[in-house]
Amino acid sequence: MSSDTLLSECIYQIPCKNCDKVYVGETGRNPGVGVGEHKKEVEAKDTSRYTRQSKRSAEEQQNKSAITDHVTRENHVIDWDQVKVSGHESDRKTRWIKEAIEIRKSKDEP
């Protein structure tokens, strides 16, 4: 397996600093690229003026990713420094299945 493959085709986890939730994602690219895209989207949302009305508005919006939904709906902070790769899989469909399994496991944990 080449070193480029080790840096791509993976399942990754991004934890929340405020709760035990973990975002699970997959990418065929370098995980830093996908994580960077998530981070950019999260940072584009203005969560500094978080009132009851803005919370209601956030709950009605559907963002590009679940991680942005979590940040805007819960007013939480993502721990971008603790992102970890939890597995590698070169076959895209198998990677999707492994991602789904990890998502299910993360929802079953306390």
PDB file of N, CA and C in Angstrom:
ATOM      1  N   MET A   1       0.849  -1.170   0.000  1.00  0.00           N
ATOM      2  CA  MET A   1       0.000   0.000   0.000  1.00  0.00           C
ATOM      3  C   MET A   1       0.897   1.237   0.000  1.00  0.00           C
ATOM      4  N   SER A   2       0.625   2.173  -0.888  1.00  0.00           N
ATOM      5  CA  SER A   2       1.461   3.372  -0.979  1.00  0.00           C
ATOM      6  C   SER A   2       1.144   4.337   0.154  1.00  0.00           C
ATOM      7  N   SER A   3       2.079   5.252   0.418  1.00  0.00           N
ATOM      8  CA  SER A   3       1.860   6.231   1.484  1.00  0.00           C
ATOM      9  C   SER A   3       0.715   7.163   1.123  1.00  0.00           C
ATOM     10  N   ASP A   4       0.475   7.417  -0.184  1.00  0.00           N
ATOM     11  CA  ASP A   4      -0.655   8.243  -0.590  1.00  0.00           C
ATOM     12  C   ASP A   4      -1.976   7.580  -0.208  1.00  0.00           C
ATOM     13  N   THR A   5      -2.039   6.254  -0.320  1.00  0.00           N
ATOM     14  CA  THR A   5      -3.242   5.531   0.059  1.00  0.00           C
ATOM     15  C   THR A   5      -3.473   5.634   1.558  1.00  0.00           C
ATOM     16  N   LEU A   6      -2.395   5.622   2.344  1.00  0.00           N
ATOM     17  CA  LEU A   6      -2.546   5.765   3.783  1.00  0.00           C
ATOM     18  C   LEU A   6      -3.096   7.139   4.156  1.00  0.00           C
ATOM     19  N   LEU A   7      -2.882   8.104   3.292  1.00  0.00           N
ATOM     20  CA  LEU A   7      -3.366   9.456   3.557  1.00  0.00           C
ATOM     21  C   LEU A   7      -4.701   9.733   2.888  1.00  0.00           C
ATOM     22  N   SER A   8      -5.319   8.711   2.339  1.00  0.00           N
ATOM     23  CA  SER A   8      -6.608   8.890   1.680  1.00  0.00           C
ATOM     24  C   SER A   8      -7.453   7.637   1.887  1.00  0.00           C
ATOM     25  N   GLU A   9      -8.632   7.635   1.269  1.00  0.00           N
ATOM     26  CA  GLU A   9      -9.520   6.475   1.325  1.00  0.00           C
ATOM     27  C   GLU A   9      -9.737   6.013   2.769  1.00  0.00           C
ATOM     28  N   CYS A  10     -10.267   6.928   3.587  1.00  0.00           N
ATOM     29  CA  CYS A  10     -10.372   6.607   5.006  1.00  0.00           C
ATOM     30  C   CYS A  10     -11.700   7.040   5.613  1.00  0.00           C
ATOM     31  N   ILE A  11     -11.902   6.567   6.831  1.00  0.00           N
ATOM     32  CA  ILE A  11     -13.017   6.968   7.676  1.00  0.00           C
ATOM     33  C   ILE A  11     -12.383   7.756   8.806  1.00  0.00           C
ATOM     34  N   TYR A  12     -12.973   8.899   9.144  1.00  0.00           N
ATOM     35  CA  TYR A  12     -12.382   9.744  10.178  1.00  0.00           C
ATOM     36  C   TYR A  12     -13.445  10.181  11.183  1.00  0.00           C
ATOM     37  N   GLN A  13     -12.971  10.641  12.347  1.00  0.00           N
ATOM     38  CA  GLN A  13     -13.859  11.083  13.418  1.00  0.00           C
ATOM     39  C   GLN A  13     -13.445  12.476  13.873  1.00  0.00           C
ATOM     40  N   ILE A  14     -14.442  13.344  14.089  1.00  0.00           N
ATOM     41  CA  ILE A  14     -14.210  14.693  14.567  1.00  0.00           C
ATOM     42  C   ILE A  14     -15.058  14.874  15.832  1.00  0.00           C
ATOM     43  N   PRO A  15     -14.420  15.038  17.002  1.00  0.00           N
ATOM     44  CA  PRO A  15     -15.187  15.158  18.243  1.00  0.00           C
ATOM     45  C   PRO A  15     -15.653  16.590  18.535  1.00  0.00           C
ATOM     46  N   CYS A  16     -16.674  16.686  19.358  1.00  0.00           N
ATOM     47  CA  CYS A  16     -17.178  17.958  19.864  1.00  0.00           C
ATOM     48  C   CYS A  16     -16.494  18.234  21.198  1.00  0.00           C
ATOM     49  N   LYS A  17     -16.156  19.487  21.467  1.00  0.00           N
ATOM     50  CA  LYS A  17     -15.534  19.859  22.740  1.00  0.00           C
ATOM     51  C   LYS A  17     -16.544  19.946  23.875  1.00  0.00           C
ATOM     52  N   ASN A  18     -17.828  20.137  23.542  1.00  0.00           N
ATOM     53  CA  ASN A  18     -18.830  20.396  24.563  1.00  0.00           C
ATOM     54  C   ASN A  18     -19.656  19.185  24.976  1.00  0.00           C
ATOM     55  N   CYS A  19     -19.603  18.129  24.200  1.00  0.00           N
ATOM     56  CA  CYS A  19     -20.391  16.939  24.525  1.00  0.00           C
ATOM     57  C   CYS A  19     -19.661  15.712  23.983  1.00  0.00           C
ATOM     58  N   ASP A  20     -20.255  14.549  24.146  1.00  0.00           N
ATOM     59  CA  ASP A  20     -19.591  13.317  23.718  1.00  0.00           C
ATOM     60  C   ASP A  20     -19.894  12.934  22.269  1.00  0.00           C
ATOM     61  N   LYS A  21     -20.533  13.817  21.527  1.00  0.00           N
ATOM     62  CA  LYS A  21     -20.843  13.525  20.121  1.00  0.00           C
ATOM     63  C   LYS A  21     -19.568  13.527  19.284  1.00  0.00           C
ATOM     64  N   VAL A  22     -19.551  12.638  18.309  1.00  0.00           N
ATOM     65  CA  VAL A  22     -18.426  12.533  17.375  1.00  0.00           C
ATOM     66  C   VAL A  22     -19.003  12.476  15.969  1.00  0.00           C
ATOM     67  N   TYR A  23     -18.499  13.328  15.089  1.00  0.00           N
ATOM     68  CA  TYR A  23     -18.904  13.294  13.692  1.00  0.00           C
ATOM     69  C   TYR A  23     -18.045  12.255  12.992  1.00  0.00           C
ATOM     70  N   VAL A  24     -18.671  11.350  12.276  1.00  0.00           N
ATOM     71  CA  VAL A  24     -17.958  10.326  11.514  1.00  0.00           C
ATOM     72  C   VAL A  24     -18.139  10.639  10.039  1.00  0.00           C
ATOM     73  N   GLY A  25     -17.031  10.652   9.316  1.00  0.00           N
ATOM     74  CA  GLY A  25     -17.080  10.932   7.890  1.00  0.00           C
ATOM     75  C   GLY A  25     -16.166   9.991   7.125  1.00  0.00           C
ATOM     76  N   GLU A  26     -16.276  10.032   5.818  1.00  0.00           N
ATOM     77  CA  GLU A  26     -15.401   9.224   4.971  1.00  0.00           C
ATOM     78  C   GLU A  26     -14.973  10.059   3.794  1.00  0.00           C
ATOM     79  N   THR A  27     -13.829   9.725   3.250  1.00  0.00           N
ATOM     80  CA  THR A  27     -13.348  10.428   2.076  1.00  0.00           C
ATOM     81  C   THR A  27     -12.424   9.542   1.270  1.00  0.00           C
ATOM     82  N   GLY A  28     -12.425   9.746  -0.016  1.00  0.00           N
ATOM     83  CA  GLY A  28     -11.466   9.086  -0.887  1.00  0.00           C
ATOM     84  C   GLY A  28     -10.219   9.937  -1.037  1.00  0.00           C
ATOM     85  N   ARG A  29     -10.295  11.155  -0.513  1.00  0.00           N
ATOM     86  CA  ARG A  29      -9.174  12.091  -0.588  1.00  0.00           C
ATOM     87  C   ARG A  29      -8.423  12.102   0.742  1.00  0.00           C
ATOM     88  N   ASN A  30      -7.454  12.972   0.833  1.00  0.00           N
ATOM     89  CA  ASN A  30      -6.750  13.179   2.091  1.00  0.00           C
ATOM     90  C   ASN A  30      -7.765  13.701   3.107  1.00  0.00           C
ATOM     91  N   PRO A  31      -7.806  13.135   4.315  1.00  0.00           N
ATOM     92  CA  PRO A  31      -8.816  13.576   5.284  1.00  0.00           C
ATOM     93  C   PRO A  31      -8.695  15.060   5.635  1.00  0.00           C
ATOM     94  N   GLY A  32      -7.503  15.618   5.533  1.00  0.00           N
ATOM     95  CA  GLY A  32      -7.331  17.035   5.821  1.00  0.00           C
ATOM     96  C   GLY A  32      -8.145  17.921   4.899  1.00  0.00           C
ATOM     97  N   VAL A  33      -8.349  17.474   3.667  1.00  0.00           N
ATOM     98  CA  VAL A  33      -9.136  18.245   2.705  1.00  0.00           C
ATOM     99  C   VAL A  33     -10.602  18.267   3.139  1.00  0.00           C
ATOM    100  N   GLY A  34     -11.144  17.103   3.433  1.00  0.00           N
ATOM    101  CA  GLY A  34     -12.544  17.019   3.857  1.00  0.00           C
ATOM    102  C   GLY A  34     -12.790  17.729   5.176  1.00  0.00           C
ATOM    103  N   VAL A  35     -11.878  17.549   6.125  1.00  0.00           N
ATOM    104  CA  VAL A  35     -12.012  18.203   7.423  1.00  0.00           C
ATOM    105  C   VAL A  35     -11.920  19.716   7.236  1.00  0.00           C
ATOM    106  N   GLY A  36     -11.028  20.159   6.369  1.00  0.00           N
ATOM    107  CA  GLY A  36     -10.900  21.587   6.086  1.00  0.00           C
ATOM    108  C   GLY A  36     -12.183  22.167   5.513  1.00  0.00           C
ATOM    109  N   GLU A  37     -12.851  21.405   4.659  1.00  0.00           N
ATOM    110  CA  GLU A  37     -14.125  21.862   4.099  1.00  0.00           C
ATOM    111  C   GLU A  37     -15.183  21.984   5.184  1.00  0.00           C
ATOM    112  N   HIS A  38     -15.233  21.008   6.093  1.00  0.00           N
ATOM    113  CA  HIS A  38     -16.183  21.073   7.214  1.00  0.00           C
ATOM    114  C   HIS A  38     -15.879  22.292   8.081  1.00  0.00           C
ATOM    115  N   LYS A  39     -14.621  22.488   8.382  1.00  0.00           N
ATOM    116  CA  LYS A  39     -14.210  23.600   9.245  1.00  0.00           C
ATOM    117  C   LYS A  39     -14.578  24.939   8.609  1.00  0.00           C
ATOM    118  N   LYS A  40     -14.348  25.070   7.317  1.00  0.00           N
ATOM    119  CA  LYS A  40     -14.668  26.305   6.606  1.00  0.00           C
ATOM    120  C   LYS A  40     -16.173  26.585   6.671  1.00  0.00           C
ATOM    121  N   GLU A  41     -16.992  25.545   6.473  1.00  0.00           N
ATOM    122  CA  GLU A  41     -18.434  25.730   6.532  1.00  0.00           C
ATOM    123  C   GLU A  41     -18.881  26.129   7.931  1.00  0.00           C
ATOM    124  N   VAL A  42     -18.327  25.467   8.953  1.00  0.00           N
ATOM    125  CA  VAL A  42     -18.678  25.783  10.344  1.00  0.00           C
ATOM    126  C   VAL A  42     -18.298  27.226  10.666  1.00  0.00           C
ATOM    127  N   GLU A  43     -17.096  27.620  10.274  1.00  0.00           N
ATOM    128  CA  GLU A  43     -16.630  28.972  10.577  1.00  0.00           C
ATOM    129  C   GLU A  43     -17.425  30.040   9.826  1.00  0.00           C
ATOM    130  N   ALA A  44     -18.048  29.671   8.711  1.00  0.00           N
ATOM    131  CA  ALA A  44     -18.845  30.628   7.944  1.00  0.00           C
ATOM    132  C   ALA A  44     -20.169  30.942   8.641  1.00  0.00           C
ATOM    133  N   LYS A  45     -20.596  30.066   9.543  1.00  0.00           N
ATOM    134  CA  LYS A  45     -21.838  30.290  10.285  1.00  0.00           C
ATOM    135  C   LYS A  45     -21.548  31.222  11.451  1.00  0.00           C
ATOM    136  N   ASP A  46     -22.398  32.204  11.646  1.00  0.00           N
ATOM    137  CA  ASP A  46     -22.203  33.140  12.754  1.00  0.00           C
ATOM    138  C   ASP A  46     -23.006  32.645  13.952  1.00  0.00           C
ATOM    139  N   THR A  47     -22.341  31.981  14.887  1.00  0.00           N
ATOM    140  CA  THR A  47     -23.024  31.458  16.068  1.00  0.00           C
ATOM    141  C   THR A  47     -22.817  32.355  17.277  1.00  0.00           C
ATOM    142  N   SER A  48     -22.208  33.512  17.087  1.00  0.00           N
ATOM    143  CA  SER A  48     -21.920  34.384  18.225  1.00  0.00           C
ATOM    144  C   SER A  48     -23.182  35.010  18.816  1.00  0.00           C
ATOM    145  N   ARG A  49     -24.195  35.244  18.016  1.00  0.00           N
ATOM    146  CA  ARG A  49     -25.429  35.830  18.523  1.00  0.00           C
ATOM    147  C   ARG A  49     -26.475  34.731  18.655  1.00  0.00           C
ATOM    148  N   TYR A  50     -26.297  33.890  19.620  1.00  0.00           N
ATOM    149  CA  TYR A  50     -27.120  32.693  19.781  1.00  0.00           C
ATOM    150  C   TYR A  50     -28.256  32.971  20.757  1.00  0.00           C
ATOM    151  N   THR A  51     -29.421  33.278  20.221  1.00  0.00           N
ATOM    152  CA  THR A  51     -30.606  33.536  21.027  1.00  0.00           C
ATOM    153  C   THR A  51     -31.612  32.419  20.780  1.00  0.00           C
ATOM    154  N   ARG A  52     -32.728  32.471  21.507  1.00  0.00           N
ATOM    155  CA  ARG A  52     -33.764  31.454  21.287  1.00  0.00           C
ATOM    156  C   ARG A  52     -34.280  31.490  19.854  1.00  0.00           C
ATOM    157  N   GLN A  53     -34.417  32.695  19.314  1.00  0.00           N
ATOM    158  CA  GLN A  53     -34.896  32.833  17.940  1.00  0.00           C
ATOM    159  C   GLN A  53     -33.887  32.263  16.947  1.00  0.00           C
ATOM    160  N   SER A  54     -32.586  32.550  17.159  1.00  0.00           N
ATOM    161  CA  SER A  54     -31.582  32.017  16.231  1.00  0.00           C
ATOM    162  C   SER A  54     -31.477  30.501  16.366  1.00  0.00           C
ATOM    163  N   LYS A  55     -31.727  29.963  17.575  1.00  0.00           N
ATOM    164  CA  LYS A  55     -31.727  28.507  17.757  1.00  0.00           C
ATOM    165  C   LYS A  55     -32.876  27.884  16.962  1.00  0.00           C
ATOM    166  N   ARG A  56     -34.056  28.502  17.035  1.00  0.00           N
ATOM    167  CA  ARG A  56     -35.195  27.999  16.257  1.00  0.00           C
ATOM    168  C   ARG A  56     -34.900  28.049  14.756  1.00  0.00           C
ATOM    169  N   SER A  57     -34.305  29.140  14.341  1.00  0.00           N
ATOM    170  CA  SER A  57     -33.952  29.291  12.931  1.00  0.00           C
ATOM    171  C   SER A  57     -32.935  28.228  12.506  1.00  0.00           C
ATOM    172  N   ALA A  58     -31.939  27.984  13.366  1.00  0.00           N
ATOM    173  CA  ALA A  58     -30.908  26.986  13.067  1.00  0.00           C
ATOM    174  C   ALA A  58     -31.508  25.588  12.968  1.00  0.00           C
ATOM    175  N   GLU A  59     -32.503  25.300  13.809  1.00  0.00           N
ATOM    176  CA  GLU A  59     -33.125  23.981  13.787  1.00  0.00           C
ATOM    177  C   GLU A  59     -33.909  23.739  12.502  1.00  0.00           C
ATOM    178  N   GLU A  60     -34.338  24.808  11.858  1.00  0.00           N
ATOM    179  CA  GLU A  60     -35.091  24.682  10.623  1.00  0.00           C
ATOM    180  C   GLU A  60     -34.197  24.565   9.395  1.00  0.00           C
ATOM    181  N   GLN A  61     -32.946  25.009   9.520  1.00  0.00           N
ATOM    182  CA  GLN A  61     -32.022  24.971   8.390  1.00  0.00           C
ATOM    183  C   GLN A  61     -31.388  23.604   8.242  1.00  0.00           C
ATOM    184  N   GLN A  62     -31.158  23.217   7.010  1.00  0.00           N
ATOM    185  CA  GLN A  62     -30.439  21.983   6.712  1.00  0.00           C
ATOM    186  C   GLN A  62     -29.104  22.393   6.104  1.00  0.00           C
ATOM    187  N   ASN A  63     -28.024  22.134   6.830  1.00  0.00           N
ATOM    188  CA  ASN A  63     -26.695  22.495   6.356  1.00  0.00           C
ATOM    189  C   ASN A  63     -26.104  21.398   5.505  1.00  0.00           C
ATOM    190  N   LYS A  64     -24.940  21.686   4.961  1.00  0.00           N
ATOM    191  CA  LYS A  64     -24.256  20.742   4.088  1.00  0.00           C
ATOM    192  C   LYS A  64     -23.842  19.472   4.832  1.00  0.00           C
ATOM    193  N   SER A  65     -23.517  19.615   6.128  1.00  0.00           N
ATOM    194  CA  SER A  65     -23.089  18.435   6.878  1.00  0.00           C
ATOM    195  C   SER A  65     -23.694  18.419   8.281  1.00  0.00           C
ATOM    196  N   ALA A  66     -23.724  17.247   8.857  1.00  0.00           N
ATOM    197  CA  ALA A  66     -24.251  17.064  10.208  1.00  0.00           C
ATOM    198  C   ALA A  66     -23.411  17.808  11.232  1.00  0.00           C
ATOM    199  N   ILE A  67     -22.134  17.964  10.968  1.00  0.00           N
ATOM    200  CA  ILE A  67     -21.269  18.659  11.924  1.00  0.00           C
ATOM    201  C   ILE A  67     -21.656  20.138  12.016  1.00  0.00           C
ATOM    202  N   THR A  68     -22.006  20.749  10.895  1.00  0.00           N
ATOM    203  CA  THR A  68     -22.450  22.143  10.903  1.00  0.00           C
ATOM    204  C   THR A  68     -23.813  22.254  11.568  1.00  0.00           C
ATOM    205  N   ASP A  69     -24.685  21.294  11.325  1.00  0.00           N
ATOM    206  CA  ASP A  69     -25.980  21.278  12.014  1.00  0.00           C
ATOM    207  C   ASP A  69     -25.773  21.249  13.523  1.00  0.00           C
ATOM    208  N   HIS A  70     -24.869  20.414  13.990  1.00  0.00           N
ATOM    209  CA  HIS A  70     -24.616  20.287  15.429  1.00  0.00           C
ATOM    210  C   HIS A  70     -24.112  21.611  16.006  1.00  0.00           C
ATOM    211  N   VAL A  71     -23.170  22.229  15.338  1.00  0.00           N
ATOM    212  CA  VAL A  71     -22.588  23.489  15.823  1.00  0.00           C
ATOM    213  C   VAL A  71     -23.649  24.585  15.889  1.00  0.00           C
ATOM    214  N   THR A  72     -24.447  24.706  14.831  1.00  0.00           N
ATOM    215  CA  THR A  72     -25.424  25.787  14.796  1.00  0.00           C
ATOM    216  C   THR A  72     -26.620  25.527  15.705  1.00  0.00           C
ATOM    217  N   ARG A  73     -27.013  24.296  15.850  1.00  0.00           N
ATOM    218  CA  ARG A  73     -28.187  23.983  16.675  1.00  0.00           C
ATOM    219  C   ARG A  73     -27.864  23.938  18.165  1.00  0.00           C
ATOM    220  N   GLU A  74     -26.666  23.489  18.504  1.00  0.00           N
ATOM    221  CA  GLU A  74     -26.305  23.323  19.916  1.00  0.00           C
ATOM    222  C   GLU A  74     -25.378  24.414  20.435  1.00  0.00           C
ATOM    223  N   ASN A  75     -24.882  25.256  19.527  1.00  0.00           N
ATOM    224  CA  ASN A  75     -23.916  26.293  19.885  1.00  0.00           C
ATOM    225  C   ASN A  75     -22.666  25.678  20.515  1.00  0.00           C
ATOM    226  N   HIS A  76     -22.225  24.550  19.977  1.00  0.00           N
ATOM    227  CA  HIS A  76     -21.059  23.834  20.470  1.00  0.00           C
ATOM    228  C   HIS A  76     -19.831  24.147  19.633  1.00  0.00           C
ATOM    229  N   VAL A  77     -18.683  23.755  20.156  1.00  0.00           N
ATOM    230  CA  VAL A  77     -17.400  23.994  19.500  1.00  0.00           C
ATOM    231  C   VAL A  77     -16.800  22.642  19.123  1.00  0.00           C
ATOM    232  N   ILE A  78     -16.286  22.550  17.917  1.00  0.00           N
ATOM    233  CA  ILE A  78     -15.687  21.304  17.433  1.00  0.00           C
ATOM    234  C   ILE A  78     -14.207  21.285  17.784  1.00  0.00           C
ATOM    235  N   ASP A  79     -13.716  20.122  18.167  1.00  0.00           N
ATOM    236  CA  ASP A  79     -12.308  19.956  18.537  1.00  0.00           C
ATOM    237  C   ASP A  79     -11.513  19.539  17.305  1.00  0.00           C
ATOM    238  N   TRP A  80     -11.186  20.513  16.479  1.00  0.00           N
ATOM    239  CA  TRP A  80     -10.498  20.252  15.215  1.00  0.00           C
ATOM    240  C   TRP A  80      -9.121  19.648  15.426  1.00  0.00           C
ATOM    241  N   ASP A  81      -8.514  19.842  16.590  1.00  0.00           N
ATOM    242  CA  ASP A  81      -7.176  19.309  16.862  1.00  0.00           C
ATOM    243  C   ASP A  81      -7.193  17.821  17.213  1.00  0.00           C
ATOM    244  N   GLN A  82      -8.369  17.259  17.465  1.00  0.00           N
ATOM    245  CA  GLN A  82      -8.472  15.858  17.870  1.00  0.00           C
ATOM    246  C   GLN A  82      -9.071  14.960  16.785  1.00  0.00           C
ATOM    247  N   VAL A  83      -9.020  15.399  15.544  1.00  0.00           N
ATOM    248  CA  VAL A  83      -9.515  14.583  14.433  1.00  0.00           C
ATOM    249  C   VAL A  83      -8.635  13.344  14.316  1.00  0.00           C
ATOM    250  N   LYS A  84      -9.276  12.192  14.147  1.00  0.00           N
ATOM    251  CA  LYS A  84      -8.475  10.976  13.986  1.00  0.00           C
ATOM    252  C   LYS A  84      -9.044  10.101  12.866  1.00  0.00           C
ATOM    253  N   VAL A  85      -8.138   9.420  12.209  1.00  0.00           N
ATOM    254  CA  VAL A  85      -8.510   8.462  11.176  1.00  0.00           C
ATOM    255  C   VAL A  85      -8.774   7.142  11.891  1.00  0.00           C
ATOM    256  N   SER A  86      -9.955   6.596  11.672  1.00  0.00           N
ATOM    257  CA  SER A  86     -10.318   5.361  12.377  1.00  0.00           C
ATOM    258  C   SER A  86     -10.239   4.123  11.496  1.00  0.00           C
ATOM    259  N   GLY A  87     -10.021   4.295  10.202  1.00  0.00           N
ATOM    260  CA  GLY A  87      -9.893   3.142   9.328  1.00  0.00           C
ATOM    261  C   GLY A  87      -9.624   3.542   7.897  1.00  0.00           C
ATOM    262  N   HIS A  88      -9.139   2.592   7.143  1.00  0.00           N
ATOM    263  CA  HIS A  88      -8.855   2.797   5.716  1.00  0.00           C
ATOM    264  C   HIS A  88      -9.602   1.747   4.908  1.00  0.00           C
ATOM    265  N   GLU A  89     -10.089   2.158   3.754  1.00  0.00           N
ATOM    266  CA  GLU A  89     -10.776   1.237   2.855  1.00  0.00           C
ATOM    267  C   GLU A  89     -10.723   1.819   1.454  1.00  0.00           C
ATOM    268  N   SER A  90     -10.144   1.068   0.524  1.00  0.00           N
ATOM    269  CA  SER A  90     -10.009   1.581  -0.839  1.00  0.00           C
ATOM    270  C   SER A  90     -11.293   1.448  -1.664  1.00  0.00           C
ATOM    271  N   ASP A  91     -12.129   0.467  -1.351  1.00  0.00           N
ATOM    272  CA  ASP A  91     -13.380   0.293  -2.086  1.00  0.00           C
ATOM    273  C   ASP A  91     -14.427   1.271  -1.558  1.00  0.00           C
ATOM    274  N   ARG A  92     -14.918   2.137  -2.428  1.00  0.00           N
ATOM    275  CA  ARG A  92     -15.816   3.211  -2.023  1.00  0.00           C
ATOM    276  C   ARG A  92     -17.085   2.705  -1.333  1.00  0.00           C
ATOM    277  N   LYS A  93     -17.735   1.719  -1.909  1.00  0.00           N
ATOM    278  CA  LYS A  93     -18.982   1.217  -1.319  1.00  0.00           C
ATOM    279  C   LYS A  93     -18.738   0.559   0.034  1.00  0.00           C
ATOM    280  N   THR A  94     -17.657  -0.173   0.153  1.00  0.00           N
ATOM    281  CA  THR A  94     -17.315  -0.786   1.438  1.00  0.00           C
ATOM    282  C   THR A  94     -16.991   0.299   2.455  1.00  0.00           C
ATOM    283  N   ARG A  95     -16.321   1.377   2.007  1.00  0.00           N
ATOM    284  CA  ARG A  95     -16.007   2.500   2.906  1.00  0.00           C
ATOM    285  C   ARG A  95     -17.296   3.148   3.401  1.00  0.00           C
ATOM    286  N   TRP A  96     -18.283   3.296   2.536  1.00  0.00           N
ATOM    287  CA  TRP A  96     -19.566   3.862   2.936  1.00  0.00           C
ATOM    288  C   TRP A  96     -20.241   2.988   3.997  1.00  0.00           C
ATOM    289  N   ILE A  97     -20.160   1.678   3.806  1.00  0.00           N
ATOM    290  CA  ILE A  97     -20.758   0.747   4.772  1.00  0.00           C
ATOM    291  C   ILE A  97     -20.030   0.852   6.111  1.00  0.00           C
ATOM    292  N   LYS A  98     -18.693   0.885   6.068  1.00  0.00           N
ATOM    293  CA  LYS A  98     -17.921   1.010   7.313  1.00  0.00           C
ATOM    294  C   LYS A  98     -18.223   2.336   8.016  1.00  0.00           C
ATOM    295  N   GLU A  99     -18.390   3.393   7.232  1.00  0.00           N
ATOM    296  CA  GLU A  99     -18.753   4.690   7.814  1.00  0.00           C
ATOM    297  C   GLU A  99     -20.109   4.583   8.503  1.00  0.00           C
ATOM    298  N   ALA A 100     -21.082   3.970   7.849  1.00  0.00           N
ATOM    299  CA  ALA A 100     -22.423   3.825   8.418  1.00  0.00           C
ATOM    300  C   ALA A 100     -22.381   3.022   9.715  1.00  0.00           C
ATOM    301  N   ILE A 101     -21.557   1.992   9.752  1.00  0.00           N
ATOM    302  CA  ILE A 101     -21.419   1.179  10.968  1.00  0.00           C
ATOM    303  C   ILE A 101     -20.835   2.022  12.093  1.00  0.00           C
ATOM    304  N   GLU A 102     -19.801   2.810  11.786  1.00  0.00           N
ATOM    305  CA  GLU A 102     -19.202   3.665  12.818  1.00  0.00           C
ATOM    306  C   GLU A 102     -20.177   4.727  13.310  1.00  0.00           C
ATOM    307  N   ILE A 103     -20.988   5.265  12.404  1.00  0.00           N
ATOM    308  CA  ILE A 103     -22.000   6.249  12.813  1.00  0.00           C
ATOM    309  C   ILE A 103     -22.984   5.592  13.762  1.00  0.00           C
ATOM    310  N   ARG A 104     -23.432   4.410  13.406  1.00  0.00           N
ATOM    311  CA  ARG A 104     -24.376   3.683  14.269  1.00  0.00           C
ATOM    312  C   ARG A 104     -23.761   3.401  15.633  1.00  0.00           C
ATOM    313  N   LYS A 105     -22.505   2.974  15.654  1.00  0.00           N
ATOM    314  CA  LYS A 105     -21.818   2.702  16.931  1.00  0.00           C
ATOM    315  C   LYS A 105     -21.704   3.962  17.762  1.00  0.00           C
ATOM    316  N   SER A 106     -21.384   5.084  17.134  1.00  0.00           N
ATOM    317  CA  SER A 106     -21.217   6.330  17.891  1.00  0.00           C
ATOM    318  C   SER A 106     -22.546   6.812  18.480  1.00  0.00           C
ATOM    319  N   LYS A 107     -23.655   6.498  17.840  1.00  0.00           N
ATOM    320  CA  LYS A 107     -24.966   6.875  18.370  1.00  0.00           C
ATOM    321  C   LYS A 107     -25.389   5.951  19.499  1.00  0.00           C
ATOM    322  N   ASP A 108     -24.876   4.720  19.521  1.00  0.00           N
ATOM    323  CA  ASP A 108     -25.236   3.760  20.570  1.00  0.00           C
ATOM    324  C   ASP A 108     -24.426   3.968  21.840  1.00  0.00           C
ATOM    325  N   GLU A 109     -23.298   4.680  21.734  1.00  0.00           N
ATOM    326  CA  GLU A 109     -22.459   4.910  22.918  1.00  0.00           C
ATOM    327  C   GLU A 109     -23.072   5.999  23.790  1.00  0.00           C
ATOM    328  N   PRO A 110     -22.824   5.944  25.100  1.00  0.00           N
ATOM    329  CA  PRO A 110     -23.384   6.958  26.008  1.00  0.00           C
ATOM    330  C   PRO A 110     -22.851   8.346  25.750  1.00  0.00           C
TER     331      PRO A 110
END
